[in-house]
N, C-alpha and C. Protein backbone atom coordinates (compact mmCIF):
# COMPACT_ATOMS: atom_id res chain seq x y z
N MET A 1 14.42 -41.77 0.02
CA MET A 1 13.94 -40.90 1.05
C MET A 1 13.63 -39.54 0.43
N THR A 2 12.42 -39.04 0.67
CA THR A 2 12.07 -37.74 0.12
C THR A 2 12.48 -36.65 1.09
N GLN A 3 12.89 -35.55 0.50
CA GLN A 3 13.32 -34.43 1.31
C GLN A 3 12.13 -33.53 1.60
N GLN A 4 11.92 -33.19 2.86
CA GLN A 4 10.81 -32.33 3.23
C GLN A 4 11.20 -30.88 3.01
N SER A 5 10.23 -30.10 2.52
CA SER A 5 10.50 -28.68 2.38
C SER A 5 10.31 -28.01 3.74
N PRO A 6 11.04 -26.94 3.98
CA PRO A 6 10.93 -26.27 5.28
C PRO A 6 9.52 -25.69 5.44
N PRO A 7 9.07 -25.55 6.69
CA PRO A 7 7.74 -24.97 6.90
C PRO A 7 7.69 -23.54 6.40
N GLN A 8 6.54 -23.14 5.92
CA GLN A 8 6.37 -21.78 5.42
C GLN A 8 6.29 -20.82 6.60
N PRO A 9 6.98 -19.69 6.52
CA PRO A 9 6.90 -18.72 7.61
C PRO A 9 5.51 -18.09 7.69
N ILE A 10 5.17 -17.60 8.85
CA ILE A 10 3.90 -16.90 9.04
C ILE A 10 3.91 -15.59 8.25
N GLN A 11 5.05 -14.90 8.23
CA GLN A 11 5.14 -13.63 7.52
C GLN A 11 5.20 -13.86 6.01
N LYS A 12 4.60 -12.93 5.29
CA LYS A 12 4.60 -12.98 3.83
C LYS A 12 5.03 -11.61 3.29
N PRO A 13 5.73 -11.60 2.16
CA PRO A 13 6.12 -10.32 1.56
C PRO A 13 5.10 -9.85 0.53
N LEU A 14 4.96 -8.54 0.42
CA LEU A 14 4.16 -7.94 -0.65
C LEU A 14 4.99 -6.81 -1.23
N THR A 15 5.15 -6.82 -2.54
CA THR A 15 5.83 -5.73 -3.25
C THR A 15 4.91 -5.32 -4.39
N LEU A 16 3.98 -4.44 -4.07
CA LEU A 16 2.98 -3.96 -5.03
C LEU A 16 3.58 -2.78 -5.79
N VAL A 17 3.76 -2.94 -7.10
CA VAL A 17 4.33 -1.88 -7.93
C VAL A 17 3.26 -1.39 -8.89
N MET A 18 2.95 -0.10 -8.78
CA MET A 18 1.92 0.52 -9.59
C MET A 18 2.54 1.62 -10.43
N THR A 19 2.06 1.75 -11.66
CA THR A 19 2.57 2.78 -12.57
C THR A 19 1.55 3.90 -12.67
N ALA A 20 2.03 5.13 -12.50
CA ALA A 20 1.16 6.30 -12.62
C ALA A 20 0.72 6.46 -14.07
N LYS A 21 -0.45 7.04 -14.25
CA LYS A 21 -1.00 7.27 -15.59
C LYS A 21 -0.14 8.24 -16.40
N SER A 22 0.50 9.18 -15.71
CA SER A 22 1.29 10.21 -16.39
C SER A 22 2.29 10.78 -15.39
N SER A 23 3.16 11.66 -15.88
CA SER A 23 4.11 12.34 -14.99
C SER A 23 3.36 13.21 -13.99
N GLN A 24 2.26 13.82 -14.43
CA GLN A 24 1.45 14.64 -13.52
C GLN A 24 0.81 13.77 -12.44
N ASP A 25 0.36 12.58 -12.81
CA ASP A 25 -0.22 11.67 -11.83
C ASP A 25 0.85 11.17 -10.86
N HIS A 26 2.06 10.95 -11.35
CA HIS A 26 3.17 10.55 -10.48
C HIS A 26 3.44 11.65 -9.45
N ALA A 27 3.44 12.90 -9.90
CA ALA A 27 3.64 14.03 -8.99
C ALA A 27 2.50 14.10 -7.97
N ALA A 28 1.28 13.83 -8.42
CA ALA A 28 0.13 13.84 -7.51
C ALA A 28 0.27 12.73 -6.47
N LEU A 29 0.71 11.55 -6.89
CA LEU A 29 0.93 10.45 -5.94
C LEU A 29 1.98 10.84 -4.90
N GLN A 30 3.06 11.46 -5.36
CA GLN A 30 4.12 11.89 -4.44
C GLN A 30 3.56 12.88 -3.42
N GLN A 31 2.74 13.81 -3.88
CA GLN A 31 2.18 14.81 -2.97
C GLN A 31 1.22 14.16 -1.97
N ILE A 32 0.37 13.25 -2.43
CA ILE A 32 -0.59 12.56 -1.55
C ILE A 32 0.15 11.78 -0.47
N ILE A 33 1.14 11.00 -0.89
CA ILE A 33 1.90 10.18 0.06
C ILE A 33 2.65 11.07 1.04
N GLN A 34 3.30 12.11 0.53
CA GLN A 34 4.06 13.02 1.40
C GLN A 34 3.15 13.67 2.43
N GLU A 35 1.97 14.11 2.01
CA GLU A 35 1.04 14.74 2.95
C GLU A 35 0.59 13.76 4.03
N MET A 36 0.24 12.54 3.64
CA MET A 36 -0.21 11.55 4.63
C MET A 36 0.93 11.18 5.58
N GLN A 37 2.11 10.95 5.02
CA GLN A 37 3.24 10.50 5.84
C GLN A 37 3.78 11.61 6.75
N SER A 38 3.47 12.86 6.45
CA SER A 38 3.94 13.96 7.30
C SER A 38 2.99 14.23 8.46
N LEU A 39 1.83 13.57 8.47
CA LEU A 39 0.89 13.75 9.58
C LEU A 39 1.43 13.08 10.84
N PRO A 40 1.04 13.59 12.00
CA PRO A 40 1.41 12.88 13.24
C PRO A 40 0.84 11.47 13.19
N PRO A 41 1.52 10.49 13.80
CA PRO A 41 1.07 9.09 13.71
C PRO A 41 -0.41 8.87 14.03
N GLU A 42 -0.92 9.58 15.03
CA GLU A 42 -2.32 9.37 15.41
C GLU A 42 -3.31 9.96 14.41
N LYS A 43 -2.83 10.78 13.47
CA LYS A 43 -3.71 11.35 12.43
C LYS A 43 -3.43 10.76 11.05
N ASN A 44 -2.38 9.97 10.94
CA ASN A 44 -2.03 9.36 9.66
C ASN A 44 -2.92 8.12 9.48
N PRO A 45 -3.77 8.11 8.44
CA PRO A 45 -4.69 6.97 8.28
C PRO A 45 -3.97 5.65 8.04
N ILE A 46 -2.80 5.69 7.44
CA ILE A 46 -2.05 4.46 7.18
C ILE A 46 -1.48 3.90 8.48
N THR A 47 -0.84 4.76 9.26
CA THR A 47 -0.28 4.32 10.55
C THR A 47 -1.39 3.81 11.46
N THR A 48 -2.48 4.53 11.52
CA THR A 48 -3.62 4.12 12.35
C THR A 48 -4.14 2.75 11.92
N ALA A 49 -4.29 2.55 10.62
CA ALA A 49 -4.78 1.26 10.12
C ALA A 49 -3.81 0.14 10.44
N LEU A 50 -2.51 0.38 10.23
CA LEU A 50 -1.51 -0.65 10.52
C LEU A 50 -1.51 -1.02 12.00
N ASN A 51 -1.63 -0.02 12.86
CA ASN A 51 -1.69 -0.30 14.29
C ASN A 51 -2.95 -1.08 14.66
N ASN A 52 -4.08 -0.73 14.05
CA ASN A 52 -5.34 -1.43 14.31
C ASN A 52 -5.29 -2.88 13.83
N LEU A 53 -4.71 -3.09 12.67
CA LEU A 53 -4.67 -4.44 12.10
C LEU A 53 -3.73 -5.36 12.87
N ALA A 54 -2.63 -4.83 13.32
CA ALA A 54 -1.63 -5.59 14.10
C ALA A 54 -1.18 -6.87 13.41
N ASN A 55 -1.07 -6.82 12.06
CA ASN A 55 -0.55 -7.97 11.33
C ASN A 55 0.53 -7.56 10.32
N VAL A 56 1.00 -6.33 10.41
CA VAL A 56 2.03 -5.85 9.49
C VAL A 56 3.31 -5.59 10.27
N HIS A 57 4.37 -6.26 9.87
CA HIS A 57 5.67 -6.09 10.50
C HIS A 57 6.36 -4.82 10.01
N PHE A 58 6.34 -4.62 8.70
CA PHE A 58 7.01 -3.47 8.09
C PHE A 58 6.17 -3.01 6.91
N ALA A 59 6.19 -1.70 6.66
CA ALA A 59 5.49 -1.15 5.49
C ALA A 59 6.19 0.13 5.07
N ARG A 60 6.28 0.31 3.76
CA ARG A 60 6.89 1.53 3.26
C ARG A 60 6.44 1.80 1.83
N PHE A 61 6.49 3.07 1.46
CA PHE A 61 6.26 3.50 0.09
C PHE A 61 7.60 3.83 -0.51
N VAL A 62 7.80 3.46 -1.77
CA VAL A 62 9.04 3.78 -2.48
C VAL A 62 8.65 4.25 -3.88
N PHE A 63 9.15 5.41 -4.26
CA PHE A 63 8.94 5.89 -5.62
C PHE A 63 10.09 5.39 -6.48
N LEU A 64 9.75 4.72 -7.57
CA LEU A 64 10.72 4.12 -8.47
C LEU A 64 10.80 4.92 -9.76
N ASN A 65 11.78 4.58 -10.58
CA ASN A 65 11.88 5.18 -11.91
C ASN A 65 10.65 4.80 -12.72
N ASN A 66 10.46 5.43 -13.84
CA ASN A 66 9.36 5.12 -14.75
C ASN A 66 7.99 5.40 -14.14
N ASN A 67 7.91 6.45 -13.31
CA ASN A 67 6.62 6.86 -12.73
C ASN A 67 5.95 5.75 -11.93
N GLN A 68 6.71 4.99 -11.19
CA GLN A 68 6.13 3.89 -10.42
C GLN A 68 6.17 4.17 -8.92
N LEU A 69 5.17 3.63 -8.24
CA LEU A 69 5.08 3.67 -6.79
C LEU A 69 5.02 2.24 -6.30
N ALA A 70 5.89 1.91 -5.34
CA ALA A 70 5.88 0.58 -4.74
C ALA A 70 5.37 0.68 -3.31
N VAL A 71 4.50 -0.25 -2.95
CA VAL A 71 4.04 -0.42 -1.58
C VAL A 71 4.64 -1.75 -1.14
N ILE A 72 5.55 -1.69 -0.18
CA ILE A 72 6.30 -2.87 0.22
C ILE A 72 5.97 -3.18 1.68
N THR A 73 5.46 -4.37 1.91
CA THR A 73 5.08 -4.75 3.28
C THR A 73 5.51 -6.18 3.57
N THR A 74 5.58 -6.46 4.85
CA THR A 74 5.71 -7.83 5.36
C THR A 74 4.57 -8.01 6.35
N TYR A 75 3.75 -9.01 6.12
CA TYR A 75 2.53 -9.18 6.89
C TYR A 75 2.36 -10.62 7.35
N ASP A 76 1.47 -10.80 8.33
CA ASP A 76 1.13 -12.13 8.84
C ASP A 76 -0.14 -12.63 8.15
N GLY A 77 -0.19 -13.94 7.97
CA GLY A 77 -1.44 -14.55 7.51
C GLY A 77 -1.52 -14.73 6.02
N ASP A 78 -2.76 -14.92 5.56
CA ASP A 78 -2.95 -15.19 4.14
C ASP A 78 -3.26 -13.90 3.37
N PHE A 79 -2.97 -13.95 2.09
CA PHE A 79 -3.06 -12.80 1.21
C PHE A 79 -4.47 -12.22 1.13
N VAL A 80 -5.47 -13.05 0.92
CA VAL A 80 -6.84 -12.57 0.73
C VAL A 80 -7.33 -11.85 1.99
N SER A 81 -7.09 -12.42 3.15
CA SER A 81 -7.50 -11.77 4.40
C SER A 81 -6.78 -10.44 4.58
N TYR A 82 -5.50 -10.43 4.26
CA TYR A 82 -4.69 -9.21 4.39
C TYR A 82 -5.26 -8.09 3.52
N ILE A 83 -5.52 -8.39 2.27
CA ILE A 83 -6.03 -7.36 1.36
C ILE A 83 -7.42 -6.91 1.79
N ASN A 84 -8.27 -7.84 2.20
CA ASN A 84 -9.60 -7.46 2.68
C ASN A 84 -9.51 -6.61 3.93
N ASP A 85 -8.59 -6.91 4.82
CA ASP A 85 -8.40 -6.06 6.00
C ASP A 85 -8.03 -4.63 5.59
N PHE A 86 -7.17 -4.51 4.59
CA PHE A 86 -6.79 -3.19 4.12
C PHE A 86 -7.96 -2.46 3.48
N ILE A 87 -8.77 -3.17 2.72
CA ILE A 87 -9.95 -2.54 2.13
C ILE A 87 -10.85 -2.02 3.25
N ASN A 88 -11.05 -2.83 4.27
CA ASN A 88 -11.91 -2.43 5.38
C ASN A 88 -11.36 -1.24 6.14
N GLU A 89 -10.06 -1.21 6.37
CA GLU A 89 -9.44 -0.17 7.19
C GLU A 89 -9.13 1.12 6.42
N ILE A 90 -8.56 0.99 5.22
CA ILE A 90 -8.13 2.19 4.48
C ILE A 90 -8.46 2.10 3.00
N GLY A 91 -9.61 1.55 2.70
CA GLY A 91 -10.04 1.50 1.30
C GLY A 91 -10.05 2.87 0.66
N ASP A 92 -10.45 3.90 1.42
CA ASP A 92 -10.51 5.24 0.85
C ASP A 92 -9.13 5.77 0.46
N VAL A 93 -8.09 5.36 1.18
CA VAL A 93 -6.73 5.76 0.80
C VAL A 93 -6.37 5.15 -0.55
N PHE A 94 -6.69 3.87 -0.72
CA PHE A 94 -6.44 3.23 -2.02
C PHE A 94 -7.25 3.89 -3.12
N ASN A 95 -8.48 4.28 -2.82
CA ASN A 95 -9.30 4.95 -3.83
C ASN A 95 -8.63 6.22 -4.33
N VAL A 96 -8.07 7.01 -3.42
CA VAL A 96 -7.39 8.25 -3.79
C VAL A 96 -6.14 7.95 -4.61
N LEU A 97 -5.34 6.98 -4.17
CA LEU A 97 -4.12 6.64 -4.89
C LEU A 97 -4.41 6.08 -6.27
N LEU A 98 -5.37 5.17 -6.34
CA LEU A 98 -5.64 4.47 -7.60
C LEU A 98 -6.24 5.36 -8.68
N GLU A 99 -6.75 6.52 -8.30
CA GLU A 99 -7.22 7.48 -9.31
C GLU A 99 -6.08 7.90 -10.24
N HIS A 100 -4.85 7.76 -9.75
CA HIS A 100 -3.67 8.21 -10.50
C HIS A 100 -2.86 7.05 -11.08
N VAL A 101 -3.39 5.84 -11.01
CA VAL A 101 -2.64 4.64 -11.40
C VAL A 101 -3.19 4.06 -12.69
N ALA A 102 -2.29 3.71 -13.60
CA ALA A 102 -2.67 3.09 -14.87
C ALA A 102 -3.26 1.70 -14.61
N ASP A 103 -4.23 1.33 -15.39
CA ASP A 103 -4.84 0.00 -15.32
C ASP A 103 -5.39 -0.33 -13.94
N SER A 104 -5.85 0.69 -13.22
CA SER A 104 -6.36 0.44 -11.88
C SER A 104 -7.71 -0.27 -11.96
N PRO A 105 -8.07 -0.96 -10.88
CA PRO A 105 -9.35 -1.64 -10.85
C PRO A 105 -10.48 -0.61 -10.71
N PRO A 106 -11.72 -1.04 -10.89
CA PRO A 106 -12.83 -0.11 -10.68
C PRO A 106 -12.85 0.39 -9.23
N LEU A 107 -13.28 1.61 -9.08
CA LEU A 107 -13.36 2.23 -7.76
C LEU A 107 -14.82 2.49 -7.41
N PRO A 108 -15.14 2.52 -6.14
CA PRO A 108 -14.28 2.34 -4.97
C PRO A 108 -13.93 0.88 -4.75
N VAL A 109 -12.78 0.65 -4.17
CA VAL A 109 -12.31 -0.73 -3.95
C VAL A 109 -13.26 -1.49 -3.02
N GLN A 110 -13.94 -0.76 -2.14
CA GLN A 110 -14.87 -1.40 -1.21
C GLN A 110 -16.01 -2.11 -1.95
N ASP A 111 -16.36 -1.61 -3.13
CA ASP A 111 -17.43 -2.20 -3.93
C ASP A 111 -16.92 -3.16 -4.99
N HIS A 112 -15.61 -3.25 -5.14
CA HIS A 112 -15.00 -4.07 -6.19
C HIS A 112 -13.83 -4.87 -5.61
N ARG A 113 -14.11 -5.60 -4.55
CA ARG A 113 -13.06 -6.33 -3.82
C ARG A 113 -12.31 -7.32 -4.71
N GLN A 114 -13.03 -8.11 -5.47
CA GLN A 114 -12.38 -9.13 -6.29
C GLN A 114 -11.48 -8.51 -7.34
N GLN A 115 -11.91 -7.41 -7.94
CA GLN A 115 -11.09 -6.75 -8.94
C GLN A 115 -9.84 -6.13 -8.30
N PHE A 116 -10.01 -5.57 -7.11
CA PHE A 116 -8.85 -5.00 -6.41
C PHE A 116 -7.87 -6.11 -6.02
N LEU A 117 -8.40 -7.20 -5.53
CA LEU A 117 -7.56 -8.34 -5.17
C LEU A 117 -6.79 -8.84 -6.40
N ALA A 118 -7.46 -8.96 -7.53
CA ALA A 118 -6.80 -9.40 -8.76
C ALA A 118 -5.74 -8.39 -9.20
N PHE A 119 -6.03 -7.09 -9.04
CA PHE A 119 -5.07 -6.05 -9.39
C PHE A 119 -3.80 -6.18 -8.54
N VAL A 120 -3.99 -6.35 -7.23
CA VAL A 120 -2.84 -6.46 -6.34
C VAL A 120 -2.04 -7.71 -6.67
N GLN A 121 -2.71 -8.83 -6.91
CA GLN A 121 -2.00 -10.06 -7.27
C GLN A 121 -1.21 -9.89 -8.55
N ALA A 122 -1.79 -9.20 -9.54
CA ALA A 122 -1.12 -9.02 -10.83
C ALA A 122 0.07 -8.08 -10.74
N HIS A 123 0.07 -7.16 -9.76
CA HIS A 123 1.13 -6.17 -9.64
C HIS A 123 2.07 -6.42 -8.46
N ASP A 124 1.94 -7.57 -7.84
CA ASP A 124 2.81 -7.95 -6.72
C ASP A 124 4.02 -8.68 -7.29
N LEU A 125 5.19 -8.08 -7.13
CA LEU A 125 6.41 -8.71 -7.62
C LEU A 125 6.84 -9.78 -6.63
N SER A 126 6.98 -10.98 -7.09
CA SER A 126 7.41 -12.08 -6.21
C SER A 126 8.88 -11.93 -5.87
N CYS A 127 9.21 -12.28 -4.65
CA CYS A 127 10.62 -12.27 -4.27
C CYS A 127 11.27 -13.58 -4.71
N VAL A 128 12.57 -13.56 -4.78
CA VAL A 128 13.30 -14.78 -5.09
C VAL A 128 13.31 -15.63 -3.82
N PRO A 129 12.74 -16.82 -3.87
CA PRO A 129 12.68 -17.64 -2.65
C PRO A 129 14.06 -18.13 -2.23
N PRO A 130 14.22 -18.43 -1.00
CA PRO A 130 13.23 -18.34 0.06
C PRO A 130 13.15 -16.93 0.62
N PHE A 131 11.97 -16.58 1.16
CA PHE A 131 11.77 -15.31 1.84
C PHE A 131 12.36 -15.45 3.24
N TYR A 132 13.37 -14.66 3.55
CA TYR A 132 14.03 -14.76 4.85
C TYR A 132 13.23 -13.99 5.89
N THR A 133 13.09 -14.59 7.05
CA THR A 133 12.55 -13.92 8.22
C THR A 133 13.28 -14.43 9.46
N ALA A 134 13.65 -13.51 10.31
CA ALA A 134 14.35 -13.90 11.55
C ALA A 134 13.41 -14.58 12.53
N TYR A 135 12.10 -14.36 12.36
CA TYR A 135 11.10 -14.92 13.27
C TYR A 135 10.01 -15.63 12.47
N PRO A 136 10.31 -16.76 11.87
CA PRO A 136 9.35 -17.40 10.96
C PRO A 136 8.05 -17.83 11.60
N ASN A 137 8.04 -18.04 12.89
CA ASN A 137 6.82 -18.50 13.57
C ASN A 137 6.24 -17.46 14.51
N ARG A 138 6.65 -16.21 14.36
CA ARG A 138 6.20 -15.15 15.27
C ARG A 138 5.36 -14.14 14.51
N THR A 139 4.16 -13.92 15.00
CA THR A 139 3.30 -12.89 14.43
C THR A 139 3.64 -11.54 15.06
N VAL A 140 3.07 -10.49 14.52
CA VAL A 140 3.24 -9.17 15.12
C VAL A 140 2.76 -9.21 16.56
N LEU A 141 1.61 -9.83 16.79
CA LEU A 141 1.07 -9.89 18.16
C LEU A 141 1.98 -10.67 19.09
N ASN A 142 2.60 -11.76 18.61
CA ASN A 142 3.57 -12.51 19.43
C ASN A 142 4.75 -11.61 19.81
N ILE A 143 5.26 -10.90 18.86
CA ILE A 143 6.42 -10.05 19.09
C ILE A 143 6.07 -8.92 20.04
N LEU A 144 4.91 -8.30 19.86
CA LEU A 144 4.49 -7.20 20.74
C LEU A 144 4.28 -7.68 22.17
N ALA A 145 3.88 -8.93 22.33
CA ALA A 145 3.62 -9.47 23.67
C ALA A 145 4.90 -9.86 24.41
N THR A 146 6.02 -9.92 23.69
CA THR A 146 7.29 -10.29 24.31
C THR A 146 7.87 -9.07 25.02
N PRO A 147 8.19 -9.22 26.30
CA PRO A 147 8.76 -8.08 27.03
C PRO A 147 10.08 -7.63 26.38
N SER A 148 10.28 -6.35 26.35
CA SER A 148 11.52 -5.78 25.82
C SER A 148 12.65 -6.03 26.79
N VAL A 149 13.82 -6.25 26.24
CA VAL A 149 15.01 -6.42 27.05
C VAL A 149 15.73 -5.07 27.04
N PRO A 150 15.99 -4.52 28.22
CA PRO A 150 16.70 -3.23 28.24
C PRO A 150 18.08 -3.35 27.60
N SER A 151 18.47 -2.30 26.89
CA SER A 151 19.79 -2.34 26.24
C SER A 151 20.86 -1.76 27.10
């Protein structure tokens, strides 16, 4: 009797780790991210894009040692569609960030989709399986449509 593998969850993890070209570029990345993240949600291009896409459960920026910036997300659907959605919604944000990243793909990302996709795939750190999710069959839209239970 063969053992069946469990169904794959709808959510997928992304841990994109990028290395700044220099310490000065790392400082520039920190300033760019801080400025964007300090904007009110309705003026923050990242928050606006995430709300419009409605396929991202969680997203965060983390500055790591060795002049690295990590973009960590949990999203619904397939990888290629997800990255293309980001190019469509906030390609210009990636263009600004990638100016400071070593081995970045050609810019603008909107004109070099395949190279950007390959860059993200090459710099996405895989998690140790299995990827845990409390809601393996629930999309962001499913969760948002569920009435809240008062606490």
